[in-house]
Amino acid sequence: MDLGNFFIYSEQIEERGLDIGFNLYSAGHLVWLAAILAAALIASQLYKKATVRGRIKAKKVFAVAILVSEILKDTVLAVLGANMIEYLPLHLCSFTILIMLLHSYGHWQNITAQLLAYAMFPGAVAALLFCNWTEYPFFNYMNIHSFLFHGWIVIYFFMIYAGREITPNYRGLWKSAGIMFIVAIPVYIFNLIFDTNYLFLNEASEGSPLVIVWDIFGTRLGAPGYLTGIVLMVLIIFHILYMLYKLLILIKLFLILNLNIF
């Protein structure tokens, strides 16, 4: 365990030419995934049994915790001297902070729930499966923060879904897609001005499915092709999710009618 690299951040790793990161689906990565899944399953069962007051409190605790963790991360990086333009809350999972706060405090619960189902929860799962922070060693502040941050989103969704507080629908699919496309426009302009890559709109995240999108569309048509590919990918994923949610409902109905275990 190297304490010397606990607070090292991305630019320092690149400047020093260090190779101290981890590989996707290495033992440590799989342990994190298993721990988050176990925590989500346990939390969802406890949430189902909780009182209405207990549920409200749990949602608020998670929403505030994820906000505090983001503020703490930015504070640590600023003190360390990191280039903060690279660490602004402009990625998809960072927008989840606002969505979780609105949802947990009872504001716009329908649309925030749909966004959690179609965009934020899948985005957090994708981030955990295809980590873009693999340059960090496991015992590193940014690595721990990233796994916990995305894990909290997954756990939050598991809780409200288990508590039957969310029913993804087709109208919600298109509303979520529309909101995400609207949000992407100013983020894309910001990327062009400050040479950043928020929402991965300018460059595919290494090791993620976006690389396939770039290979198919970007290599032939450049940035317009890549952006078109992202739009198509988002719509396809949203429709797959819609079908999966419907399938889960049918499975639950089957179990209720035939096995009487719910």
C-alpha atoms as a PDB file:
ATOM      1  CA  MET A   1       0.000   0.000   0.000  1.00  0.00           C
ATOM      2  CA  ASP A   2       1.743   3.161  -1.257  1.00  0.00           C
ATOM      3  CA  LEU A   3       0.577   6.162   0.782  1.00  0.00           C
ATOM      4  CA  GLY A   4       2.696   8.435  -1.394  1.00  0.00           C
ATOM      5  CA  ASN A   5       0.237   8.124  -4.278  1.00  0.00           C
ATOM      6  CA  PHE A   6      -2.957   8.514  -2.259  1.00  0.00           C
ATOM      7  CA  PHE A   7      -3.560  12.123  -3.338  1.00  0.00           C
ATOM      8  CA  ILE A   8      -1.908  12.010  -6.746  1.00  0.00           C
ATOM      9  CA  TYR A   9      -4.183  13.209  -9.544  1.00  0.00           C
ATOM     10  CA  SER A  10      -4.405  12.629 -13.276  1.00  0.00           C
ATOM     11  CA  GLU A  11      -2.160  15.446 -14.540  1.00  0.00           C
ATOM     12  CA  GLN A  12       0.626  14.485 -12.131  1.00  0.00           C
ATOM     13  CA  ILE A  13       0.466  10.855 -13.233  1.00  0.00           C
ATOM     14  CA  GLU A  14       0.746  11.922 -16.867  1.00  0.00           C
ATOM     15  CA  GLU A  15       3.524  14.463 -16.238  1.00  0.00           C
ATOM     16  CA  ARG A  16       5.624  11.947 -14.301  1.00  0.00           C
ATOM     17  CA  GLY A  17       4.981   9.132 -16.772  1.00  0.00           C
ATOM     18  CA  LEU A  18       3.799   6.823 -13.994  1.00  0.00           C
ATOM     19  CA  ASP A  19       2.241   3.425 -14.630  1.00  0.00           C
ATOM     20  CA  ILE A  20       0.464   2.839 -11.330  1.00  0.00           C
ATOM     21  CA  GLY A  21      -3.129   2.208 -12.425  1.00  0.00           C
ATOM     22  CA  PHE A  22      -5.286  -0.892 -12.635  1.00  0.00           C
ATOM     23  CA  ASN A  23      -6.764  -2.949 -15.447  1.00  0.00           C
ATOM     24  CA  LEU A  24     -10.462  -3.259 -16.160  1.00  0.00           C
ATOM     25  CA  TYR A  25     -11.912  -6.422 -14.598  1.00  0.00           C
ATOM     26  CA  SER A  26      -8.802  -7.062 -12.550  1.00  0.00           C
ATOM     27  CA  ALA A  27      -9.328  -8.657  -9.139  1.00  0.00           C
ATOM     28  CA  GLY A  28      -9.595  -5.285  -7.401  1.00  0.00           C
ATOM     29  CA  HIS A  29     -12.082  -3.959  -9.949  1.00  0.00           C
ATOM     30  CA  LEU A  30     -14.269  -7.048  -9.586  1.00  0.00           C
ATOM     31  CA  VAL A  31     -14.183  -6.735  -5.790  1.00  0.00           C
ATOM     32  CA  TRP A  32     -15.492  -3.169  -6.053  1.00  0.00           C
ATOM     33  CA  LEU A  33     -18.274  -4.270  -8.422  1.00  0.00           C
ATOM     34  CA  ALA A  34     -19.271  -7.162  -6.163  1.00  0.00           C
ATOM     35  CA  ALA A  35     -19.276  -4.933  -3.068  1.00  0.00           C
ATOM     36  CA  ILE A  36     -21.459  -2.299  -4.753  1.00  0.00           C
ATOM     37  CA  LEU A  37     -23.912  -4.926  -6.014  1.00  0.00           C
ATOM     38  CA  ALA A  38     -24.118  -6.535  -2.576  1.00  0.00           C
ATOM     39  CA  ALA A  39     -24.657  -3.142  -0.925  1.00  0.00           C
ATOM     40  CA  ALA A  40     -27.366  -2.272  -3.459  1.00  0.00           C
ATOM     41  CA  LEU A  41     -29.222  -5.552  -2.871  1.00  0.00           C
ATOM     42  CA  ILE A  42     -29.044  -5.210   0.912  1.00  0.00           C
ATOM     43  CA  ALA A  43     -30.071  -1.540   0.836  1.00  0.00           C
ATOM     44  CA  SER A  44     -33.011  -2.273  -1.470  1.00  0.00           C
ATOM     45  CA  GLN A  45     -34.344  -4.942   0.890  1.00  0.00           C
ATOM     46  CA  LEU A  46     -33.984  -2.674   3.915  1.00  0.00           C
ATOM     47  CA  TYR A  47     -35.665   0.145   1.974  1.00  0.00           C
ATOM     48  CA  LYS A  48     -38.643  -2.065   1.090  1.00  0.00           C
ATOM     49  CA  LYS A  49     -39.230  -2.763   4.781  1.00  0.00           C
ATOM     50  CA  ALA A  50     -38.727   0.846   5.897  1.00  0.00           C
ATOM     51  CA  THR A  51     -41.520   3.211   6.898  1.00  0.00           C
ATOM     52  CA  VAL A  52     -42.473   6.133   4.666  1.00  0.00           C
ATOM     53  CA  ARG A  53     -40.536   8.455   6.952  1.00  0.00           C
ATOM     54  CA  GLY A  54     -37.559   6.123   6.900  1.00  0.00           C
ATOM     55  CA  ARG A  55     -37.589   5.999   3.110  1.00  0.00           C
ATOM     56  CA  ILE A  56     -37.665   9.777   2.781  1.00  0.00           C
ATOM     57  CA  LYS A  57     -34.768  10.095   5.218  1.00  0.00           C
ATOM     58  CA  ALA A  58     -32.737   7.438   3.395  1.00  0.00           C
ATOM     59  CA  LYS A  59     -33.171   9.169   0.030  1.00  0.00           C
ATOM     60  CA  LYS A  60     -32.173  12.532   1.460  1.00  0.00           C
ATOM     61  CA  VAL A  61     -29.108  11.049   3.155  1.00  0.00           C
ATOM     62  CA  PHE A  62     -27.905   9.543  -0.130  1.00  0.00           C
ATOM     63  CA  ALA A  63     -28.608  12.736  -2.088  1.00  0.00           C
ATOM     64  CA  VAL A  64     -26.798  14.972   0.391  1.00  0.00           C
ATOM     65  CA  ALA A  65     -23.935  12.485   0.748  1.00  0.00           C
ATOM     66  CA  ILE A  66     -23.250  12.446  -2.987  1.00  0.00           C
ATOM     67  CA  LEU A  67     -23.307  16.268  -3.060  1.00  0.00           C
ATOM     68  CA  VAL A  68     -20.899  16.495  -0.126  1.00  0.00           C
ATOM     69  CA  SER A  69     -18.578  13.937  -1.712  1.00  0.00           C
ATOM     70  CA  GLU A  70     -18.399  16.004  -4.914  1.00  0.00           C
ATOM     71  CA  ILE A  71     -17.690  19.219  -3.000  1.00  0.00           C
ATOM     72  CA  LEU A  72     -15.019  17.445  -0.949  1.00  0.00           C
ATOM     73  CA  LYS A  73     -13.422  16.034  -4.110  1.00  0.00           C
ATOM     74  CA  ASP A  74     -13.260  19.469  -5.738  1.00  0.00           C
ATOM     75  CA  THR A  75     -11.863  21.006  -2.550  1.00  0.00           C
ATOM     76  CA  VAL A  76      -9.121  18.378  -2.289  1.00  0.00           C
ATOM     77  CA  LEU A  77      -8.152  18.764  -5.954  1.00  0.00           C
ATOM     78  CA  ALA A  78      -8.137  22.565  -5.731  1.00  0.00           C
ATOM     79  CA  VAL A  79      -5.869  22.462  -2.660  1.00  0.00           C
ATOM     80  CA  LEU A  80      -3.544  20.044  -4.467  1.00  0.00           C
ATOM     81  CA  GLY A  81      -3.306  22.456  -7.402  1.00  0.00           C
ATOM     82  CA  ALA A  82      -5.163  20.446 -10.045  1.00  0.00           C
ATOM     83  CA  ASN A  83      -6.454  22.121 -13.198  1.00  0.00           C
ATOM     84  CA  MET A  84     -10.073  22.466 -12.037  1.00  0.00           C
ATOM     85  CA  ILE A  85     -11.412  23.039 -15.546  1.00  0.00           C
ATOM     86  CA  GLU A  86     -10.988  19.272 -15.976  1.00  0.00           C
ATOM     87  CA  TYR A  87     -12.965  18.386 -12.848  1.00  0.00           C
ATOM     88  CA  LEU A  88     -16.184  20.368 -13.170  1.00  0.00           C
ATOM     89  CA  PRO A  89     -19.493  18.542 -12.556  1.00  0.00           C
ATOM     90  CA  LEU A  90     -20.379  18.366 -16.241  1.00  0.00           C
ATOM     91  CA  HIS A  91     -20.347  14.624 -16.801  1.00  0.00           C
ATOM     92  CA  LEU A  92     -23.587  12.631 -16.843  1.00  0.00           C
ATOM     93  CA  CYS A  93     -23.118  11.172 -13.373  1.00  0.00           C
ATOM     94  CA  SER A  94     -22.329  14.629 -11.966  1.00  0.00           C
ATOM     95  CA  PHE A  95     -25.732  15.848 -13.177  1.00  0.00           C
ATOM     96  CA  THR A  96     -27.171  13.029 -11.076  1.00  0.00           C
ATOM     97  CA  ILE A  97     -26.390  15.082  -7.966  1.00  0.00           C
ATOM     98  CA  LEU A  98     -29.079  17.597  -8.940  1.00  0.00           C
ATOM     99  CA  ILE A  99     -31.508  14.882 -10.049  1.00  0.00           C
ATOM    100  CA  MET A 100     -31.144  12.957  -6.779  1.00  0.00           C
ATOM    101  CA  LEU A 101     -31.582  16.117  -4.707  1.00  0.00           C
ATOM    102  CA  LEU A 102     -34.749  17.074  -6.586  1.00  0.00           C
ATOM    103  CA  HIS A 103     -36.128  13.540  -6.398  1.00  0.00           C
ATOM    104  CA  SER A 104     -35.313  12.960  -2.736  1.00  0.00           C
ATOM    105  CA  TYR A 105     -36.832  16.268  -1.664  1.00  0.00           C
ATOM    106  CA  GLY A 106     -40.032  15.645  -3.638  1.00  0.00           C
ATOM    107  CA  HIS A 107     -39.553  18.017  -6.584  1.00  0.00           C
ATOM    108  CA  TRP A 108     -40.486  16.955 -10.151  1.00  0.00           C
ATOM    109  CA  GLN A 109     -40.448  13.346  -8.993  1.00  0.00           C
ATOM    110  CA  ASN A 110     -41.904  11.879 -12.178  1.00  0.00           C
ATOM    111  CA  ILE A 111     -39.363  13.270 -14.615  1.00  0.00           C
ATOM    112  CA  THR A 112     -36.446  12.897 -12.197  1.00  0.00           C
ATOM    113  CA  ALA A 113     -37.411   9.247 -11.678  1.00  0.00           C
ATOM    114  CA  GLN A 114     -37.522   8.697 -15.452  1.00  0.00           C
ATOM    115  CA  LEU A 115     -34.112  10.338 -15.836  1.00  0.00           C
ATOM    116  CA  LEU A 116     -32.709   8.106 -13.102  1.00  0.00           C
ATOM    117  CA  ALA A 117     -34.085   5.030 -14.855  1.00  0.00           C
ATOM    118  CA  TYR A 118     -33.005   5.825 -18.399  1.00  0.00           C
ATOM    119  CA  ALA A 119     -29.896   7.985 -18.034  1.00  0.00           C
ATOM    120  CA  MET A 120     -28.371   8.290 -14.570  1.00  0.00           C
ATOM    121  CA  PHE A 121     -28.541   4.683 -13.353  1.00  0.00           C
ATOM    122  CA  PRO A 122     -27.348   3.181 -16.674  1.00  0.00           C
ATOM    123  CA  GLY A 123     -24.664   5.867 -16.855  1.00  0.00           C
ATOM    124  CA  ALA A 124     -23.385   4.948 -13.388  1.00  0.00           C
ATOM    125  CA  VAL A 125     -23.374   1.245 -14.281  1.00  0.00           C
ATOM    126  CA  ALA A 126     -21.455   1.989 -17.485  1.00  0.00           C
ATOM    127  CA  ALA A 127     -18.962   4.113 -15.539  1.00  0.00           C
ATOM    128  CA  LEU A 128     -18.375   1.271 -13.087  1.00  0.00           C
ATOM    129  CA  LEU A 129     -17.993  -1.331 -15.829  1.00  0.00           C
ATOM    130  CA  PHE A 130     -15.803   0.801 -18.119  1.00  0.00           C
ATOM    131  CA  CYS A 131     -13.952   2.987 -15.610  1.00  0.00           C
ATOM    132  CA  ASN A 132     -12.218   6.021 -17.099  1.00  0.00           C
ATOM    133  CA  TRP A 133     -10.111   6.436 -13.951  1.00  0.00           C
ATOM    134  CA  THR A 134      -7.929   3.347 -14.423  1.00  0.00           C
ATOM    135  CA  GLU A 135      -4.770   5.484 -14.319  1.00  0.00           C
ATOM    136  CA  TYR A 136      -5.157   5.701 -10.538  1.00  0.00           C
ATOM    137  CA  PRO A 137      -3.863   3.038  -8.138  1.00  0.00           C
ATOM    138  CA  PHE A 138      -6.498   1.351  -6.005  1.00  0.00           C
ATOM    139  CA  PHE A 139      -5.406   3.042  -2.793  1.00  0.00           C
ATOM    140  CA  ASN A 140      -5.954   6.529  -4.157  1.00  0.00           C
ATOM    141  CA  TYR A 141      -8.431   9.223  -3.178  1.00  0.00           C
ATOM    142  CA  MET A 142      -9.803   9.738  -6.698  1.00  0.00           C
ATOM    143  CA  ASN A 143     -10.184   6.013  -7.265  1.00  0.00           C
ATOM    144  CA  ILE A 144     -12.067   5.489  -4.002  1.00  0.00           C
ATOM    145  CA  HIS A 145     -14.221   8.568  -4.621  1.00  0.00           C
ATOM    146  CA  SER A 146     -15.116   7.429  -8.146  1.00  0.00           C
ATOM    147  CA  PHE A 147     -16.222   3.946  -7.108  1.00  0.00           C
ATOM    148  CA  LEU A 148     -18.199   5.241  -4.120  1.00  0.00           C
ATOM    149  CA  PHE A 149     -19.791   8.097  -6.083  1.00  0.00           C
ATOM    150  CA  HIS A 150     -21.101   5.870  -8.861  1.00  0.00           C
ATOM    151  CA  GLY A 151     -21.947   3.139  -6.372  1.00  0.00           C
ATOM    152  CA  TRP A 152     -24.220   5.512  -4.448  1.00  0.00           C
ATOM    153  CA  ILE A 153     -26.168   6.231  -7.642  1.00  0.00           C
ATOM    154  CA  VAL A 154     -26.656   2.514  -8.246  1.00  0.00           C
ATOM    155  CA  ILE A 155     -27.753   1.922  -4.649  1.00  0.00           C
ATOM    156  CA  TYR A 156     -30.180   4.871  -4.761  1.00  0.00           C
ATOM    157  CA  PHE A 157     -31.848   3.514  -7.892  1.00  0.00           C
ATOM    158  CA  PHE A 158     -32.035  -0.022  -6.484  1.00  0.00           C
ATOM    159  CA  MET A 159     -33.807   1.376  -3.419  1.00  0.00           C
ATOM    160  CA  ILE A 160     -36.475   3.396  -5.213  1.00  0.00           C
ATOM    161  CA  TYR A 161     -37.052   0.642  -7.767  1.00  0.00           C
ATOM    162  CA  ALA A 162     -37.423  -1.989  -5.044  1.00  0.00           C
ATOM    163  CA  GLY A 163     -39.754   0.381  -3.213  1.00  0.00           C
ATOM    164  CA  ARG A 164     -41.926   0.596  -6.346  1.00  0.00           C
ATOM    165  CA  GLU A 165     -41.493   4.349  -6.453  1.00  0.00           C
ATOM    166  CA  ILE A 166     -40.566   4.377 -10.107  1.00  0.00           C
ATOM    167  CA  THR A 167     -42.254   2.997 -13.199  1.00  0.00           C
ATOM    168  CA  PRO A 168     -40.218   3.688 -16.343  1.00  0.00           C
ATOM    169  CA  ASN A 169     -42.548   4.451 -19.254  1.00  0.00           C
ATOM    170  CA  TYR A 170     -42.243   5.215 -22.953  1.00  0.00           C
ATOM    171  CA  ARG A 171     -43.086   8.890 -22.590  1.00  0.00           C
ATOM    172  CA  GLY A 172     -40.403   9.129 -19.922  1.00  0.00           C
ATOM    173  CA  LEU A 173     -37.942   7.564 -22.355  1.00  0.00           C
ATOM    174  CA  TRP A 174     -38.390  10.379 -24.880  1.00  0.00           C
ATOM    175  CA  LYS A 175     -38.495  13.096 -22.223  1.00  0.00           C
ATOM    176  CA  SER A 176     -35.233  11.798 -20.792  1.00  0.00           C
ATOM    177  CA  ALA A 177     -33.644  11.639 -24.229  1.00  0.00           C
ATOM    178  CA  GLY A 178     -34.809  15.170 -25.016  1.00  0.00           C
ATOM    179  CA  ILE A 179     -33.431  16.585 -21.772  1.00  0.00           C
ATOM    180  CA  MET A 180     -30.093  14.853 -22.280  1.00  0.00           C
ATOM    181  CA  PHE A 181     -29.777  16.179 -25.831  1.00  0.00           C
ATOM    182  CA  ILE A 182     -30.608  19.719 -24.646  1.00  0.00           C
ATOM    183  CA  VAL A 183     -28.014  19.482 -21.858  1.00  0.00           C
ATOM    184  CA  ALA A 184     -25.413  18.149 -24.291  1.00  0.00           C
ATOM    185  CA  ILE A 185     -25.506  21.275 -26.492  1.00  0.00           C
ATOM    186  CA  PRO A 186     -23.966  23.779 -24.022  1.00  0.00           C
ATOM    187  CA  VAL A 187     -21.603  21.072 -22.732  1.00  0.00           C
ATOM    188  CA  TYR A 188     -20.358  20.446 -26.271  1.00  0.00           C
ATOM    189  CA  ILE A 189     -19.792  24.188 -26.782  1.00  0.00           C
ATOM    190  CA  PHE A 190     -17.951  24.328 -23.435  1.00  0.00           C
ATOM    191  CA  ASN A 191     -15.747  21.453 -24.596  1.00  0.00           C
ATOM    192  CA  LEU A 192     -14.847  23.295 -27.777  1.00  0.00           C
ATOM    193  CA  ILE A 193     -13.978  26.501 -25.929  1.00  0.00           C
ATOM    194  CA  PHE A 194     -11.939  24.960 -23.095  1.00  0.00           C
ATOM    195  CA  ASP A 195     -10.626  21.819 -24.843  1.00  0.00           C
ATOM    196  CA  THR A 196     -12.348  19.458 -22.418  1.00  0.00           C
ATOM    197  CA  ASN A 197     -14.229  16.222 -23.008  1.00  0.00           C
ATOM    198  CA  TYR A 198     -17.288  16.299 -20.762  1.00  0.00           C
ATOM    199  CA  LEU A 199     -20.007  13.761 -21.566  1.00  0.00           C
ATOM    200  CA  PHE A 200     -17.313  12.237 -23.846  1.00  0.00           C
ATOM    201  CA  LEU A 201     -18.745  14.301 -26.700  1.00  0.00           C
ATOM    202  CA  ASN A 202     -15.359  15.070 -28.262  1.00  0.00           C
ATOM    203  CA  GLU A 203     -13.536  11.807 -27.724  1.00  0.00           C
ATOM    204  CA  ALA A 204     -14.514   8.267 -26.799  1.00  0.00           C
ATOM    205  CA  SER A 205     -13.575   7.049 -23.336  1.00  0.00           C
ATOM    206  CA  GLU A 206     -10.933   4.352 -23.708  1.00  0.00           C
ATOM    207  CA  GLY A 207     -12.299   0.847 -23.181  1.00  0.00           C
ATOM    208  CA  SER A 208     -15.950   1.937 -23.372  1.00  0.00           C
ATOM    209  CA  PRO A 209     -18.609   1.173 -26.039  1.00  0.00           C
ATOM    210  CA  LEU A 210     -18.084   4.730 -27.281  1.00  0.00           C
ATOM    211  CA  VAL A 211     -14.885   3.483 -28.926  1.00  0.00           C
ATOM    212  CA  ILE A 212     -17.057   1.323 -31.192  1.00  0.00           C
ATOM    213  CA  VAL A 213     -19.207   4.355 -32.009  1.00  0.00           C
ATOM    214  CA  TRP A 214     -16.085   6.307 -32.974  1.00  0.00           C
ATOM    215  CA  ASP A 215     -14.718   3.432 -35.074  1.00  0.00           C
ATOM    216  CA  ILE A 216     -17.995   3.107 -36.998  1.00  0.00           C
ATOM    217  CA  PHE A 217     -18.999   6.763 -37.362  1.00  0.00           C
ATOM    218  CA  GLY A 218     -16.139   9.000 -36.272  1.00  0.00           C
ATOM    219  CA  THR A 219     -13.364   7.539 -38.411  1.00  0.00           C
ATOM    220  CA  ARG A 220     -15.477   8.047 -41.532  1.00  0.00           C
ATOM    221  CA  LEU A 221     -17.349  11.264 -40.778  1.00  0.00           C
ATOM    222  CA  GLY A 222     -15.313  12.914 -38.033  1.00  0.00           C
ATOM    223  CA  ALA A 223     -16.980  14.782 -35.165  1.00  0.00           C
ATOM    224  CA  PRO A 224     -20.444  15.070 -36.841  1.00  0.00           C
ATOM    225  CA  GLY A 225     -20.454  11.330 -37.445  1.00  0.00           C
ATOM    226  CA  TYR A 226     -19.340  10.568 -33.888  1.00  0.00           C
ATOM    227  CA  LEU A 227     -22.068  12.793 -32.408  1.00  0.00           C
ATOM    228  CA  THR A 228     -24.667  11.201 -34.677  1.00  0.00           C
ATOM    229  CA  GLY A 229     -23.485   7.792 -33.514  1.00  0.00           C
ATOM    230  CA  ILE A 230     -23.835   8.846 -29.867  1.00  0.00           C
ATOM    231  CA  VAL A 231     -27.437   9.968 -30.481  1.00  0.00           C
ATOM    232  CA  LEU A 232     -28.267   6.644 -32.134  1.00  0.00           C
ATOM    233  CA  MET A 233     -26.549   4.689 -29.354  1.00  0.00           C
ATOM    234  CA  VAL A 234     -28.446   6.587 -26.651  1.00  0.00           C
ATOM    235  CA  LEU A 235     -31.798   5.974 -28.339  1.00  0.00           C
ATOM    236  CA  ILE A 236     -31.019   2.275 -28.826  1.00  0.00           C
ATOM    237  CA  ILE A 237     -29.915   1.855 -25.206  1.00  0.00           C
ATOM    238  CA  PHE A 238     -32.982   3.710 -23.919  1.00  0.00           C
ATOM    239  CA  HIS A 239     -35.273   1.413 -25.922  1.00  0.00           C
ATOM    240  CA  ILE A 240     -33.444  -1.685 -24.713  1.00  0.00           C
ATOM    241  CA  LEU A 241     -33.838  -0.443 -21.140  1.00  0.00           C
ATOM    242  CA  TYR A 242     -37.544   0.196 -21.720  1.00  0.00           C
ATOM    243  CA  MET A 243     -37.982  -3.391 -22.881  1.00  0.00           C
ATOM    244  CA  LEU A 244     -35.972  -4.719 -19.935  1.00  0.00           C
ATOM    245  CA  TYR A 245     -38.110  -2.776 -17.453  1.00  0.00           C
ATOM    246  CA  LYS A 246     -41.257  -4.147 -19.102  1.00  0.00           C
ATOM    247  CA  LEU A 247     -39.788  -7.642 -18.957  1.00  0.00           C
ATOM    248  CA  LEU A 248     -39.124  -7.247 -15.234  1.00  0.00           C
ATOM    249  CA  ILE A 249     -42.769  -6.287 -14.709  1.00  0.00           C
ATOM    250  CA  LEU A 250     -43.909  -9.396 -16.598  1.00  0.00           C
ATOM    251  CA  ILE A 251     -41.571 -11.600 -14.564  1.00  0.00           C
ATOM    252  CA  LYS A 252     -42.938 -10.135 -11.321  1.00  0.00           C
ATOM    253  CA  LEU A 253     -46.509 -10.731 -12.481  1.00  0.00           C
ATOM    254  CA  PHE A 254     -45.650 -14.313 -13.393  1.00  0.00           C
ATOM    255  CA  LEU A 255     -44.151 -14.936  -9.973  1.00  0.00           C
ATOM    256  CA  ILE A 256     -47.131 -13.355  -8.233  1.00  0.00           C
ATOM    257  CA  LEU A 257     -49.669 -15.395 -10.193  1.00  0.00           C
ATOM    258  CA  ASN A 258     -47.830 -18.703 -10.245  1.00  0.00           C
ATOM    259  CA  LEU A 259     -45.503 -18.884  -7.281  1.00  0.00           C
ATOM    260  CA  ASN A 260     -47.150 -16.499  -4.841  1.00  0.00           C
ATOM    261  CA  ILE A 261     -43.821 -15.455  -3.368  1.00  0.00           C
ATOM    262  CA  PHE A 262     -44.257 -11.678  -3.475  1.00  0.00           C
END
